[in-house]
Amino acid sequence: MIKPMMMLVMCGLLISVNAQAGGDAAAGKAKSEDCVGCHGLNGRSNNPNYPNLAGQKENYLIKATKDYRDGKRNDAIMGTIVKGLSDADIANLAAFYASVK
Protein backbone atom coordinates (compact mmCIF):
# COMPACT_ATOMS: atom_id res chain seq x y z
CA MET A 1 0.00 0.00 0.00
CA ILE A 2 1.33 3.42 -0.94
CA LYS A 3 1.40 5.84 1.96
CA PRO A 4 -0.24 9.26 1.48
CA MET A 5 3.08 11.14 1.78
CA MET A 6 4.70 8.94 -0.86
CA MET A 7 1.71 9.52 -3.16
CA LEU A 8 2.14 13.29 -2.78
CA VAL A 9 5.83 13.05 -3.63
CA MET A 10 5.10 10.94 -6.71
CA CYS A 11 2.41 13.38 -7.90
CA GLY A 12 4.79 16.28 -7.35
CA LEU A 13 7.41 14.61 -9.52
CA LEU A 14 4.91 14.05 -12.31
CA ILE A 15 3.77 17.65 -12.18
CA SER A 16 7.35 18.97 -12.28
CA VAL A 17 8.18 16.84 -15.32
CA ASN A 18 5.11 18.06 -17.16
CA ALA A 19 5.77 21.67 -16.18
CA GLN A 20 8.69 21.74 -18.59
CA ALA A 21 6.36 21.12 -21.50
CA GLY A 22 3.31 23.08 -22.49
CA GLY A 23 4.61 25.64 -24.96
CA ASP A 24 2.53 27.43 -27.56
CA ALA A 25 2.60 25.42 -30.79
CA ALA A 26 1.45 28.37 -32.93
CA ALA A 27 4.27 30.55 -31.59
CA GLY A 28 6.67 27.64 -32.16
CA LYS A 29 5.59 27.32 -35.78
CA ALA A 30 6.25 31.02 -36.31
CA LYS A 31 9.67 30.67 -34.67
CA SER A 32 10.61 27.55 -36.70
CA GLU A 33 11.72 29.46 -39.81
CA ASP A 34 15.39 29.16 -38.80
CA CYS A 35 15.01 25.37 -38.51
CA VAL A 36 13.58 24.70 -41.98
CA GLY A 37 16.93 24.78 -43.78
CA CYS A 38 18.18 21.63 -42.02
CA HIS A 39 15.11 20.00 -40.48
CA GLY A 40 12.69 20.65 -43.32
CA LEU A 41 9.23 22.13 -43.50
CA ASN A 42 7.28 21.19 -40.37
CA GLY A 43 10.29 19.29 -39.06
CA ARG A 44 10.37 16.66 -41.81
CA SER A 45 13.95 16.59 -43.03
CA ASN A 46 14.79 15.62 -46.60
CA ASN A 47 18.48 15.38 -45.72
CA PRO A 48 19.67 12.14 -44.09
CA ASN A 49 22.28 14.12 -42.12
CA TYR A 50 19.61 16.01 -40.15
CA PRO A 51 16.97 14.38 -37.97
CA ASN A 52 13.23 14.78 -38.27
CA LEU A 53 11.80 16.85 -35.46
CA ALA A 54 8.15 16.22 -36.36
CA GLY A 55 6.41 13.98 -33.87
CA GLN A 56 9.27 13.82 -31.39
CA LYS A 57 8.37 13.90 -27.71
CA GLU A 58 8.06 17.43 -26.40
CA ASN A 59 10.21 16.96 -23.29
CA TYR A 60 12.96 15.32 -25.38
CA LEU A 61 13.00 18.28 -27.77
CA ILE A 62 13.17 20.72 -24.86
CA LYS A 63 16.07 18.91 -23.21
CA ALA A 64 18.03 18.39 -26.42
CA THR A 65 17.63 22.01 -27.53
CA LYS A 66 18.57 23.40 -24.13
CA ASP A 67 21.59 21.10 -24.06
CA TYR A 68 22.75 22.49 -27.44
CA ARG A 69 22.12 26.05 -26.28
CA ASP A 70 23.92 25.53 -22.96
CA GLY A 71 26.90 23.68 -24.47
CA LYS A 72 26.09 20.28 -22.95
CA ARG A 73 25.68 18.87 -26.47
CA ASN A 74 28.14 19.99 -29.09
CA ASP A 75 27.33 20.80 -32.67
CA ALA A 76 28.63 23.98 -34.26
CA ILE A 77 25.50 24.61 -36.33
CA MET A 78 22.94 23.82 -33.64
CA GLY A 79 24.91 25.65 -30.97
CA THR A 80 24.95 28.81 -33.07
CA ILE A 81 21.31 28.66 -34.12
CA VAL A 82 19.83 28.00 -30.67
CA LYS A 83 22.20 30.24 -28.72
CA GLY A 84 19.72 33.12 -28.57
CA LEU A 85 16.61 31.09 -27.79
CA SER A 86 14.84 31.67 -24.49
CA ASP A 87 13.30 28.84 -22.48
CA ALA A 88 9.89 30.00 -23.75
CA ASP A 89 11.11 29.89 -27.39
CA ILE A 90 12.37 26.35 -26.85
CA ALA A 91 9.12 25.24 -25.20
CA ASN A 92 7.14 26.74 -28.09
CA LEU A 93 9.28 25.06 -30.74
CA ALA A 94 9.01 21.75 -28.91
CA ALA A 95 5.23 22.08 -28.66
CA PHE A 96 5.02 22.76 -32.38
CA TYR A 97 7.25 19.90 -33.51
CA ALA A 98 5.64 17.46 -31.08
CA SER A 99 2.22 18.36 -32.49
CA VAL A 100 3.20 17.54 -36.08
CA LYS A 101 2.13 14.03 -36.97
PDB file of N, CA and C in Angstrom:
ATOM      1  N   MET A   1       0.840  -1.181   0.000  1.00  0.00           N
ATOM      2  CA  MET A   1       0.000   0.000   0.000  1.00  0.00           C
ATOM      3  C   MET A   1       0.891   1.252   0.000  1.00  0.00           C
ATOM      4  N   ILE A   2       0.567   2.177  -0.846  1.00  0.00           N
ATOM      5  CA  ILE A   2       1.330   3.422  -0.937  1.00  0.00           C
ATOM      6  C   ILE A   2       0.827   4.377   0.137  1.00  0.00           C
ATOM      7  N   LYS A   3       1.753   4.907   0.893  1.00  0.00           N
ATOM      8  CA  LYS A   3       1.398   5.843   1.956  1.00  0.00           C
ATOM      9  C   LYS A   3       1.054   7.201   1.349  1.00  0.00           C
ATOM     10  N   PRO A   4       0.179   7.961   2.033  1.00  0.00           N
ATOM     11  CA  PRO A   4      -0.239   9.259   1.481  1.00  0.00           C
ATOM     12  C   PRO A   4       0.924  10.205   1.168  1.00  0.00           C
ATOM     13  N   MET A   5       1.948  10.234   2.021  1.00  0.00           N
ATOM     14  CA  MET A   5       3.079  11.141   1.780  1.00  0.00           C
ATOM     15  C   MET A   5       3.829  10.734   0.511  1.00  0.00           C
ATOM     16  N   MET A   6       4.011   9.426   0.331  1.00  0.00           N
ATOM     17  CA  MET A   6       4.696   8.938  -0.860  1.00  0.00           C
ATOM     18  C   MET A   6       3.893   9.278  -2.114  1.00  0.00           C
ATOM     19  N   MET A   7       2.574   9.190  -2.030  1.00  0.00           N
ATOM     20  CA  MET A   7       1.709   9.524  -3.159  1.00  0.00           C
ATOM     21  C   MET A   7       1.857  11.002  -3.523  1.00  0.00           C
ATOM     22  N   LEU A   8       1.941  11.867  -2.517  1.00  0.00           N
ATOM     23  CA  LEU A   8       2.135  13.294  -2.784  1.00  0.00           C
ATOM     24  C   LEU A   8       3.468  13.558  -3.462  1.00  0.00           C
ATOM     25  N   VAL A   9       4.504  12.880  -3.016  1.00  0.00           N
ATOM     26  CA  VAL A   9       5.826  13.049  -3.626  1.00  0.00           C
ATOM     27  C   VAL A   9       5.785  12.598  -5.079  1.00  0.00           C
ATOM     28  N   MET A  10       5.173  11.453  -5.343  1.00  0.00           N
ATOM     29  CA  MET A  10       5.096  10.938  -6.710  1.00  0.00           C
ATOM     30  C   MET A  10       4.305  11.891  -7.612  1.00  0.00           C
ATOM     31  N   CYS A  11       3.207  12.420  -7.116  1.00  0.00           N
ATOM     32  CA  CYS A  11       2.410  13.375  -7.897  1.00  0.00           C
ATOM     33  C   CYS A  11       3.209  14.645  -8.170  1.00  0.00           C
ATOM     34  N   GLY A  12       3.955  15.095  -7.177  1.00  0.00           N
ATOM     35  CA  GLY A  12       4.785  16.278  -7.355  1.00  0.00           C
ATOM     36  C   GLY A  12       5.829  16.086  -8.434  1.00  0.00           C
ATOM     37  N   LEU A  13       6.420  14.901  -8.478  1.00  0.00           N
ATOM     38  CA  LEU A  13       7.406  14.608  -9.516  1.00  0.00           C
ATOM     39  C   LEU A  13       6.773  14.624 -10.895  1.00  0.00           C
ATOM     40  N   LEU A  14       5.596  14.061 -11.015  1.00  0.00           N
ATOM     41  CA  LEU A  14       4.911  14.051 -12.308  1.00  0.00           C
ATOM     42  C   LEU A  14       4.566  15.461 -12.759  1.00  0.00           C
ATOM     43  N   ILE A  15       4.123  16.280 -11.842  1.00  0.00           N
ATOM     44  CA  ILE A  15       3.774  17.654 -12.179  1.00  0.00           C
ATOM     45  C   ILE A  15       5.018  18.421 -12.608  1.00  0.00           C
ATOM     46  N   SER A  16       6.144  18.230 -11.919  1.00  0.00           N
ATOM     47  CA  SER A  16       7.352  18.975 -12.275  1.00  0.00           C
ATOM     48  C   SER A  16       7.885  18.561 -13.633  1.00  0.00           C
ATOM     49  N   VAL A  17       7.749  17.294 -14.003  1.00  0.00           N
ATOM     50  CA  VAL A  17       8.181  16.844 -15.322  1.00  0.00           C
ATOM     51  C   VAL A  17       7.304  17.477 -16.395  1.00  0.00           C
ATOM     52  N   ASN A  18       6.015  17.488 -16.177  1.00  0.00           N
ATOM     53  CA  ASN A  18       5.107  18.061 -17.159  1.00  0.00           C
ATOM     54  C   ASN A  18       5.191  19.571 -17.227  1.00  0.00           C
ATOM     55  N   ALA A  19       5.673  20.219 -16.177  1.00  0.00           N
ATOM     56  CA  ALA A  19       5.765  21.674 -16.179  1.00  0.00           C
ATOM     57  C   ALA A  19       6.775  22.171 -17.194  1.00  0.00           C
ATOM     58  N   GLN A  20       7.730  21.340 -17.587  1.00  0.00           N
ATOM     59  CA  GLN A  20       8.695  21.739 -18.594  1.00  0.00           C
ATOM     60  C   GLN A  20       8.019  21.917 -19.944  1.00  0.00           C
ATOM     61  N   ALA A  21       7.035  21.087 -20.217  1.00  0.00           N
ATOM     62  CA  ALA A  21       6.361  21.116 -21.499  1.00  0.00           C
ATOM     63  C   ALA A  21       5.241  22.152 -21.445  1.00  0.00           C
ATOM     64  N   GLY A  22       4.459  22.215 -22.501  1.00  0.00           N
ATOM     65  CA  GLY A  22       3.306  23.082 -22.489  1.00  0.00           C
ATOM     66  C   GLY A  22       3.511  24.399 -23.198  1.00  0.00           C
ATOM     67  N   GLY A  23       4.396  24.420 -24.180  1.00  0.00           N
ATOM     68  CA  GLY A  23       4.607  25.637 -24.957  1.00  0.00           C
ATOM     69  C   GLY A  23       3.445  25.903 -25.895  1.00  0.00           C
ATOM     70  N   ASP A  24       3.538  26.984 -26.607  1.00  0.00           N
ATOM     71  CA  ASP A  24       2.527  27.428 -27.556  1.00  0.00           C
ATOM     72  C   ASP A  24       2.949  26.980 -28.960  1.00  0.00           C
ATOM     73  N   ALA A  25       2.239  25.994 -29.487  1.00  0.00           N
ATOM     74  CA  ALA A  25       2.601  25.418 -30.790  1.00  0.00           C
ATOM     75  C   ALA A  25       2.534  26.452 -31.922  1.00  0.00           C
ATOM     76  N   ALA A  26       1.556  27.348 -31.874  1.00  0.00           N
ATOM     77  CA  ALA A  26       1.447  28.374 -32.928  1.00  0.00           C
ATOM     78  C   ALA A  26       2.656  29.309 -32.900  1.00  0.00           C
ATOM     79  N   ALA A  27       3.074  29.699 -31.709  1.00  0.00           N
ATOM     80  CA  ALA A  27       4.269  30.546 -31.587  1.00  0.00           C
ATOM     81  C   ALA A  27       5.509  29.780 -32.030  1.00  0.00           C
ATOM     82  N   GLY A  28       5.541  28.477 -31.736  1.00  0.00           N
ATOM     83  CA  GLY A  28       6.669  27.641 -32.162  1.00  0.00           C
ATOM     84  C   GLY A  28       6.746  27.524 -33.667  1.00  0.00           C
ATOM     85  N   LYS A  29       5.599  27.391 -34.315  1.00  0.00           N
ATOM     86  CA  LYS A  29       5.593  27.319 -35.778  1.00  0.00           C
ATOM     87  C   LYS A  29       6.145  28.603 -36.379  1.00  0.00           C
ATOM     88  N   ALA A  30       5.743  29.734 -35.825  1.00  0.00           N
ATOM     89  CA  ALA A  30       6.252  31.021 -36.311  1.00  0.00           C
ATOM     90  C   ALA A  30       7.754  31.142 -36.095  1.00  0.00           C
ATOM     91  N   LYS A  31       8.256  30.584 -35.023  1.00  0.00           N
ATOM     92  CA  LYS A  31       9.674  30.667 -34.671  1.00  0.00           C
ATOM     93  C   LYS A  31      10.513  29.645 -35.453  1.00  0.00           C
ATOM     94  N   SER A  32       9.894  28.675 -36.079  1.00  0.00           N
ATOM     95  CA  SER A  32      10.613  27.555 -36.699  1.00  0.00           C
ATOM     96  C   SER A  32      11.282  27.886 -38.031  1.00  0.00           C
ATOM     97  N   GLU A  33      11.147  29.100 -38.514  1.00  0.00           N
ATOM     98  CA  GLU A  33      11.721  29.456 -39.812  1.00  0.00           C
ATOM     99  C   GLU A  33      13.218  29.189 -39.892  1.00  0.00           C
ATOM    100  N   ASP A  34      13.944  29.402 -38.800  1.00  0.00           N
ATOM    101  CA  ASP A  34      15.388  29.160 -38.799  1.00  0.00           C
ATOM    102  C   ASP A  34      15.735  27.669 -38.842  1.00  0.00           C
ATOM    103  N   CYS A  35      14.766  26.820 -38.579  1.00  0.00           N
ATOM    104  CA  CYS A  35      15.008  25.373 -38.506  1.00  0.00           C
ATOM    105  C   CYS A  35      14.783  24.667 -39.843  1.00  0.00           C
ATOM    106  N   VAL A  36      14.014  25.321 -40.719  1.00  0.00           N
ATOM    107  CA  VAL A  36      13.579  24.697 -41.977  1.00  0.00           C
ATOM    108  C   VAL A  36      14.746  24.282 -42.864  1.00  0.00           C
ATOM    109  N   GLY A  37      15.809  25.063 -42.896  1.00  0.00           N
ATOM    110  CA  GLY A  37      16.933  24.778 -43.785  1.00  0.00           C
ATOM    111  C   GLY A  37      17.534  23.398 -43.562  1.00  0.00           C
ATOM    112  N   CYS A  38      17.598  22.953 -42.331  1.00  0.00           N
ATOM    113  CA  CYS A  38      18.176  21.633 -42.025  1.00  0.00           C
ATOM    114  C   CYS A  38      17.103  20.584 -41.727  1.00  0.00           C
ATOM    115  N   HIS A  39      16.092  20.969 -40.961  1.00  0.00           N
ATOM    116  CA  HIS A  39      15.114  19.996 -40.478  1.00  0.00           C
ATOM    117  C   HIS A  39      13.859  19.919 -41.332  1.00  0.00           C
ATOM    118  N   GLY A  40      13.798  20.723 -42.385  1.00  0.00           N
ATOM    119  CA  GLY A  40      12.693  20.650 -43.323  1.00  0.00           C
ATOM    120  C   GLY A  40      11.429  21.349 -42.850  1.00  0.00           C
ATOM    121  N   LEU A  41      10.516  21.515 -43.785  1.00  0.00           N
ATOM    122  CA  LEU A  41       9.233  22.130 -43.503  1.00  0.00           C
ATOM    123  C   LEU A  41       8.480  21.277 -42.495  1.00  0.00           C
ATOM    124  N   ASN A  42       7.999  21.882 -41.448  1.00  0.00           N
ATOM    125  CA  ASN A  42       7.276  21.189 -40.375  1.00  0.00           C
ATOM    126  C   ASN A  42       8.104  20.108 -39.693  1.00  0.00           C
ATOM    127  N   GLY A  43       9.432  20.227 -39.769  1.00  0.00           N
ATOM    128  CA  GLY A  43      10.290  19.287 -39.058  1.00  0.00           C
ATOM    129  C   GLY A  43      10.505  17.964 -39.746  1.00  0.00           C
ATOM    130  N   ARG A  44      10.169  17.892 -41.029  1.00  0.00           N
ATOM    131  CA  ARG A  44      10.370  16.659 -41.806  1.00  0.00           C
ATOM    132  C   ARG A  44      11.566  16.869 -42.734  1.00  0.00           C
ATOM    133  N   SER A  45      12.705  16.368 -42.304  1.00  0.00           N
ATOM    134  CA  SER A  45      13.951  16.588 -43.032  1.00  0.00           C
ATOM    135  C   SER A  45      14.030  15.737 -44.289  1.00  0.00           C
ATOM    136  N   ASN A  46      14.521  16.356 -45.367  1.00  0.00           N
ATOM    137  CA  ASN A  46      14.789  15.619 -46.602  1.00  0.00           C
ATOM    138  C   ASN A  46      16.255  15.215 -46.695  1.00  0.00           C
ATOM    139  N   ASN A  47      17.048  15.647 -45.732  1.00  0.00           N
ATOM    140  CA  ASN A  47      18.478  15.382 -45.723  1.00  0.00           C
ATOM    141  C   ASN A  47      18.786  14.319 -44.666  1.00  0.00           C
ATOM    142  N   PRO A  48      19.402  13.207 -45.060  1.00  0.00           N
ATOM    143  CA  PRO A  48      19.669  12.139 -44.086  1.00  0.00           C
ATOM    144  C   PRO A  48      20.656  12.538 -42.983  1.00  0.00           C
ATOM    145  N   ASN A  49      21.341  13.660 -43.145  1.00  0.00           N
ATOM    146  CA  ASN A  49      22.282  14.123 -42.121  1.00  0.00           C
ATOM    147  C   ASN A  49      21.604  14.887 -40.988  1.00  0.00           C
ATOM    148  N   TYR A  50      20.335  15.240 -41.162  1.00  0.00           N
ATOM    149  CA  TYR A  50      19.614  16.011 -40.154  1.00  0.00           C
ATOM    150  C   TYR A  50      18.363  15.251 -39.733  1.00  0.00           C
ATOM    151  N   PRO A  51      18.111  15.171 -38.436  1.00  0.00           N
ATOM    152  CA  PRO A  51      16.967  14.380 -37.967  1.00  0.00           C
ATOM    153  C   PRO A  51      15.630  15.074 -38.187  1.00  0.00           C
ATOM    154  N   ASN A  52      14.591  14.257 -38.276  1.00  0.00           N
ATOM    155  CA  ASN A  52      13.233  14.777 -38.267  1.00  0.00           C
ATOM    156  C   ASN A  52      12.917  15.247 -36.857  1.00  0.00           C
ATOM    157  N   LEU A  53      12.258  16.358 -36.749  1.00  0.00           N
ATOM    158  CA  LEU A  53      11.797  16.848 -35.456  1.00  0.00           C
ATOM    159  C   LEU A  53      10.301  16.588 -35.277  1.00  0.00           C
ATOM    160  N   ALA A  54       9.594  16.438 -36.390  1.00  0.00           N
ATOM    161  CA  ALA A  54       8.152  16.220 -36.356  1.00  0.00           C
ATOM    162  C   ALA A  54       7.818  14.960 -35.563  1.00  0.00           C
ATOM    163  N   GLY A  55       6.897  15.115 -34.624  1.00  0.00           N
ATOM    164  CA  GLY A  55       6.408  13.975 -33.872  1.00  0.00           C
ATOM    165  C   GLY A  55       7.301  13.510 -32.725  1.00  0.00           C
ATOM    166  N   GLN A  56       8.410  14.173 -32.522  1.00  0.00           N
ATOM    167  CA  GLN A  56       9.270  13.818 -31.390  1.00  0.00           C
ATOM    168  C   GLN A  56       8.562  14.199 -30.089  1.00  0.00           C
ATOM    169  N   LYS A  57       8.963  13.581 -29.010  1.00  0.00           N
ATOM    170  CA  LYS A  57       8.367  13.895 -27.710  1.00  0.00           C
ATOM    171  C   LYS A  57       8.805  15.293 -27.270  1.00  0.00           C
ATOM    172  N   GLU A  58       7.841  16.027 -26.756  1.00  0.00           N
ATOM    173  CA  GLU A  58       8.058  17.425 -26.398  1.00  0.00           C
ATOM    174  C   GLU A  58       9.181  17.604 -25.374  1.00  0.00           C
ATOM    175  N   ASN A  59       9.170  16.811 -24.324  1.00  0.00           N
ATOM    176  CA  ASN A  59      10.207  16.957 -23.294  1.00  0.00           C
ATOM    177  C   ASN A  59      11.593  16.616 -23.835  1.00  0.00           C
ATOM    178  N   TYR A  60      11.667  15.647 -24.747  1.00  0.00           N
ATOM    179  CA  TYR A  60      12.956  15.323 -25.377  1.00  0.00           C
ATOM    180  C   TYR A  60      13.470  16.522 -26.175  1.00  0.00           C
ATOM    181  N   LEU A  61      12.599  17.130 -26.963  1.00  0.00           N
ATOM    182  CA  LEU A  61      13.001  18.284 -27.772  1.00  0.00           C
ATOM    183  C   LEU A  61      13.460  19.447 -26.897  1.00  0.00           C
ATOM    184  N   ILE A  62      12.771  19.659 -25.792  1.00  0.00           N
ATOM    185  CA  ILE A  62      13.165  20.721 -24.863  1.00  0.00           C
ATOM    186  C   ILE A  62      14.556  20.446 -24.315  1.00  0.00           C
ATOM    187  N   LYS A  63      14.768  19.248 -23.818  1.00  0.00           N
ATOM    188  CA  LYS A  63      16.067  18.915 -23.214  1.00  0.00           C
ATOM    189  C   LYS A  63      17.187  18.990 -24.241  1.00  0.00           C
ATOM    190  N   ALA A  64      16.986  18.402 -25.398  1.00  0.00           N
ATOM    191  CA  ALA A  64      18.033  18.395 -26.419  1.00  0.00           C
ATOM    192  C   ALA A  64      18.385  19.821 -26.861  1.00  0.00           C
ATOM    193  N   THR A  65      17.373  20.647 -27.078  1.00  0.00           N
ATOM    194  CA  THR A  65      17.626  22.012 -27.535  1.00  0.00           C
ATOM    195  C   THR A  65      18.335  22.833 -26.461  1.00  0.00           C
ATOM    196  N   LYS A  66      17.896  22.687 -25.221  1.00  0.00           N
ATOM    197  CA  LYS A  66      18.573  23.405 -24.127  1.00  0.00           C
ATOM    198  C   LYS A  66      20.015  22.924 -23.983  1.00  0.00           C
ATOM    199  N   ASP A  67      20.228  21.625 -24.165  1.00  0.00           N
ATOM    200  CA  ASP A  67      21.591  21.096 -24.064  1.00  0.00           C
ATOM    201  C   ASP A  67      22.491  21.675 -25.158  1.00  0.00           C
ATOM    202  N   TYR A  68      21.979  21.840 -26.372  1.00  0.00           N
ATOM    203  CA  TYR A  68      22.755  22.488 -27.435  1.00  0.00           C
ATOM    204  C   TYR A  68      23.020  23.953 -27.069  1.00  0.00           C
ATOM    205  N   ARG A  69      21.987  24.626 -26.621  1.00  0.00           N
ATOM    206  CA  ARG A  69      22.120  26.047 -26.275  1.00  0.00           C
ATOM    207  C   ARG A  69      23.127  26.262 -25.141  1.00  0.00           C
ATOM    208  N   ASP A  70      23.092  25.373 -24.158  1.00  0.00           N
ATOM    209  CA  ASP A  70      23.921  25.529 -22.962  1.00  0.00           C
ATOM    210  C   ASP A  70      25.288  24.859 -23.067  1.00  0.00           C
ATOM    211  N   GLY A  71      25.588  24.284 -24.240  1.00  0.00           N
ATOM    212  CA  GLY A  71      26.899  23.678 -24.471  1.00  0.00           C
ATOM    213  C   GLY A  71      27.075  22.286 -23.901  1.00  0.00           C
ATOM    214  N   LYS A  72      25.998  21.650 -23.460  1.00  0.00           N
ATOM    215  CA  LYS A  72      26.089  20.276 -22.949  1.00  0.00           C
ATOM    216  C   LYS A  72      26.121  19.258 -24.090  1.00  0.00           C
ATOM    217  N   ARG A  73      25.567  19.644 -25.225  1.00  0.00           N
ATOM    218  CA  ARG A  73      25.679  18.866 -26.467  1.00  0.00           C
ATOM    219  C   ARG A  73      26.414  19.767 -27.445  1.00  0.00           C
ATOM    220  N   ASN A  74      27.312  19.176 -28.201  1.00  0.00           N
ATOM    221  CA  ASN A  74      28.141  19.985 -29.090  1.00  0.00           C
ATOM    222  C   ASN A  74      27.841  19.730 -30.554  1.00  0.00           C
ATOM    223  N   ASP A  75      27.484  20.784 -31.229  1.00  0.00           N
ATOM    224  CA  ASP A  75      27.325  20.800 -32.672  1.00  0.00           C
ATOM    225  C   ASP A  75      27.424  22.271 -33.067  1.00  0.00           C
ATOM    226  N   ALA A  76      28.370  22.584 -33.921  1.00  0.00           N
ATOM    227  CA  ALA A  76      28.628  23.983 -34.264  1.00  0.00           C
ATOM    228  C   ALA A  76      27.392  24.668 -34.837  1.00  0.00           C
ATOM    229  N   ILE A  77      26.673  23.996 -35.707  1.00  0.00           N
ATOM    230  CA  ILE A  77      25.496  24.611 -36.333  1.00  0.00           C
ATOM    231  C   ILE A  77      24.378  24.793 -35.311  1.00  0.00           C
ATOM    232  N   MET A  78      24.028  23.723 -34.617  1.00  0.00           N
ATOM    233  CA  MET A  78      22.942  23.818 -33.638  1.00  0.00           C
ATOM    234  C   MET A  78      23.287  24.801 -32.529  1.00  0.00           C
ATOM    235  N   GLY A  79      24.499  24.757 -32.041  1.00  0.00           N
ATOM    236  CA  GLY A  79      24.907  25.653 -30.968  1.00  0.00           C
ATOM    237  C   GLY A  79      24.733  27.110 -31.348  1.00  0.00           C
ATOM    238  N   THR A  80      25.075  27.432 -32.592  1.00  0.00           N
ATOM    239  CA  THR A  80      24.954  28.806 -33.071  1.00  0.00           C
ATOM    240  C   THR A  80      23.491  29.212 -33.244  1.00  0.00           C
ATOM    241  N   ILE A  81      22.703  28.338 -33.826  1.00  0.00           N
ATOM    242  CA  ILE A  81      21.305  28.665 -34.124  1.00  0.00           C
ATOM    243  C   ILE A  81      20.470  28.824 -32.859  1.00  0.00           C
ATOM    244  N   VAL A  82      20.677  27.962 -31.867  1.00  0.00           N
ATOM    245  CA  VAL A  82      19.825  27.996 -30.672  1.00  0.00           C
ATOM    246  C   VAL A  82      20.372  28.886 -29.552  1.00  0.00           C
ATOM    247  N   LYS A  83      21.544  29.445 -29.767  1.00  0.00           N
ATOM    248  CA  LYS A  83      22.197  30.244 -28.724  1.00  0.00           C
ATOM    249  C   LYS A  83      21.295  31.348 -28.166  1.00  0.00           C
ATOM    250  N   GLY A  84      20.552  32.013 -29.008  1.00  0.00           N
ATOM    251  CA  GLY A  84      19.721  33.124 -28.568  1.00  0.00           C
ATOM    252  C   GLY A  84      18.303  32.765 -28.159  1.00  0.00           C
ATOM    253  N   LEU A  85      17.973  31.478 -28.138  1.00  0.00           N
ATOM    254  CA  LEU A  85      16.607  31.094 -27.795  1.00  0.00           C
ATOM    255  C   LEU A  85      16.374  31.148 -26.286  1.00  0.00           C
ATOM    256  N   SER A  86      15.242  31.666 -25.904  1.00  0.00           N
ATOM    257  CA  SER A  86      14.842  31.667 -24.495  1.00  0.00           C
ATOM    258  C   SER A  86      14.209  30.311 -24.161  1.00  0.00           C
ATOM    259  N   ASP A  87      13.998  30.057 -22.880  1.00  0.00           N
ATOM    260  CA  ASP A  87      13.303  28.840 -22.479  1.00  0.00           C
ATOM    261  C   ASP A  87      11.904  28.787 -23.082  1.00  0.00           C
ATOM    262  N   ALA A  88      11.233  29.938 -23.162  1.00  0.00           N
ATOM    263  CA  ALA A  88       9.892  29.999 -23.752  1.00  0.00           C
ATOM    264  C   ALA A  88       9.943  29.677 -25.247  1.00  0.00           C
ATOM    265  N   ASP A  89      10.943  30.215 -25.962  1.00  0.00           N
ATOM    266  CA  ASP A  89      11.107  29.894 -27.387  1.00  0.00           C
ATOM    267  C   ASP A  89      11.261  28.394 -27.579  1.00  0.00           C
ATOM    268  N   ILE A  90      12.098  27.786 -26.748  1.00  0.00           N
ATOM    269  CA  ILE A  90      12.373  26.346 -26.851  1.00  0.00           C
ATOM    270  C   ILE A  90      11.110  25.547 -26.557  1.00  0.00           C
ATOM    271  N   ALA A  91      10.366  25.936 -25.533  1.00  0.00           N
ATOM    272  CA  ALA A  91       9.115  25.239 -25.201  1.00  0.00           C
ATOM    273  C   ALA A  91       8.118  25.364 -26.350  1.00  0.00           C
ATOM    274  N   ASN A  92       8.055  26.537 -26.977  1.00  0.00           N
ATOM    275  CA  ASN A  92       7.135  26.745 -28.094  1.00  0.00           C
ATOM    276  C   ASN A  92       7.526  25.908 -29.299  1.00  0.00           C
ATOM    277  N   LEU A  93       8.818  25.887 -29.627  1.00  0.00           N
ATOM    278  CA  LEU A  93       9.283  25.060 -30.737  1.00  0.00           C
ATOM    279  C   LEU A  93       8.998  23.589 -30.472  1.00  0.00           C
ATOM    280  N   ALA A  94       9.251  23.152 -29.262  1.00  0.00           N
ATOM    281  CA  ALA A  94       9.013  21.752 -28.908  1.00  0.00           C
ATOM    282  C   ALA A  94       7.524  21.407 -29.011  1.00  0.00           C
ATOM    283  N   ALA A  95       6.673  22.309 -28.560  1.00  0.00           N
ATOM    284  CA  ALA A  95       5.228  22.077 -28.664  1.00  0.00           C
ATOM    285  C   ALA A  95       4.810  21.957 -30.117  1.00  0.00           C
ATOM    286  N   PHE A  96       5.356  22.819 -30.960  1.00  0.00           N
ATOM    287  CA  PHE A  96       5.019  22.758 -32.384  1.00  0.00           C
ATOM    288  C   PHE A  96       5.473  21.438 -33.004  1.00  0.00           C
ATOM    289  N   TYR A  97       6.754  21.117 -32.866  1.00  0.00           N
ATOM    290  CA  TYR A  97       7.252  19.901 -33.512  1.00  0.00           C
ATOM    291  C   TYR A  97       6.601  18.636 -32.952  1.00  0.00           C
ATOM    292  N   ALA A  98       6.309  18.620 -31.663  1.00  0.00           N
ATOM    293  CA  ALA A  98       5.644  17.460 -31.076  1.00  0.00           C
ATOM    294  C   ALA A  98       4.219  17.302 -31.602  1.00  0.00           C
ATOM    295  N   SER A  99       3.605  18.405 -31.999  1.00  0.00           N
ATOM    296  CA  SER A  99       2.220  18.358 -32.489  1.00  0.00           C
ATOM    297  C   SER A  99       2.121  17.898 -33.942  1.00  0.00           C
ATOM    298  N   VAL A 100       3.225  17.933 -34.666  1.00  0.00           N
ATOM    299  CA  VAL A 100       3.200  17.544 -36.081  1.00  0.00           C
ATOM    300  C   VAL A 100       3.202  16.022 -36.172  1.00  0.00           C
ATOM    301  N   LYS A 101       2.235  15.504 -36.846  1.00  0.00           N
ATOM    302  CA  LYS A 101       2.126  14.033 -36.974  1.00  0.00           C
ATOM    303  C   LYS A 101       2.458  13.577 -38.364  1.00  0.00           C
TER     304      LYS A 101
END
